[in-house]
């Protein structure tokens, strides 16, 4: 964040930007950035915008609907170029800087910003953040102070060792290059920032059958023509390989012979990986990652890999869900009451139509009074539900609400997680809590009409039990 601020100021942006403090708590994963309008959106699985902000300023319900809902042939798919998905924690930096610049531009705080469109602001922010990844601003700092930025997990190394002992093939696939990967993995392996001589041994590499750095995901998962280079761990230098052709030329046990020459690589593509691991089908791989697009969606949809999505926010989300359970029950009861009122209204309407056909004016008038009373009751319940829903979502996050829900629907994030992540959990080492022979099975799924029948049967059995 600080490095990107400095780069933006060097490009001509106002120096006041340097005084802005980074606040990651304003953001959650799963949002969408509208780079053309300077807006931040939370949408549900049906692509309906439920919450919207312009910079750090909330957008009214009417304006939100006018911008994203009230037209016939131009409903956004949110896959257009102007929309950016906030699928990683890294993108909180982009969002914070962009929202700050949107506010500064709208408040006429700089003549420089007057000549920039919102889209140009975002493009500059993205360029500066990307440069921080490439020029060492981020990774050099992490290398100097790994204990400040890398969270240790005591279960990581024991889990990987057990995988190896049980005959499970394990690979590391990362976009980071060798130098940074070595620093991070040495720290995780030794649980401390060890001396240079010990780092050079890279003992952690024994935990993996093969290691691929600088993989350029998601291209690694879709482009079968990317070249594979072997890394010399002593100095990070690269050596050309012939990839698949070399493995085949080595004959029997070609994959193992190929790895015996050195199992650390840079670049390449998924075909190299499956050949080195001697895998015949994508479903034999369980790929664990924390990037919804580059790790989960691409590996599952393109290659058919099994996928496990890491969500460090999950424990807090589940804890809040448990705490707010009584409120959720009340909300569900009121929503059910609204449905019952609607059903009663349908019955009254049908009766009114028949009475009108029979010329029974007294019955028609009586039913009309009841329908008006139902409408008033419904408005009261709706108002109460709005207040309760705001309180419920606010308990999860004061701005964006529950991560997996938008209104009463699944959020866009929930939609992608349930459709593309075979598993999801808060940390990778949770996989070590189960046997390597464990089979994970899908939970039963029901369409709404099946659920309605099932709920009705449960209620019937419950009533019989009370009798």
Foldseek 3Di string as FASTA:
>chain_A
DLQLLVVVVVVPPDPVSNVDDQDLQQDDFFWKAQQQQQKIFWFFQVRQTQWMARLPHTDDPVVSCVVAPPDDPCHDPLPDPRMDGRQDSLCSQLSNQLSVLRVCLVVVVDPVSVPDGSNRSSVSSVVSSVVCVVVVVPLVVCLVPVVVPPDEDPLVVVLLVVCVVVVHAAEAAELAALVSVLSNQVCRVVVHRDDPVVSLVSPVCVSHLAYEYNAPFPCQLPPQPKFKWAADSNPRDTHGDPQPVQLVVCPVVSLVVVCVVPRYMYYHHPVSVCSNVVHDAQCSAEFEDAGLVRGWPSSCVPGNHAYEHAAQCVVVLVVLCVVCVVLVVVLVVLVVVLVVLVVVLVVLVVVLVVCVVVVVVVSNVVSVVVNVVSVVVNVVSVVVSVVSQLVSQVSSPVRQGRPQDRRPHGINVVVSCVVTHPHYDNDPSVVSVDDPPDDDDDDDDDDPVVVVVVVVVVVVVVVVVVD
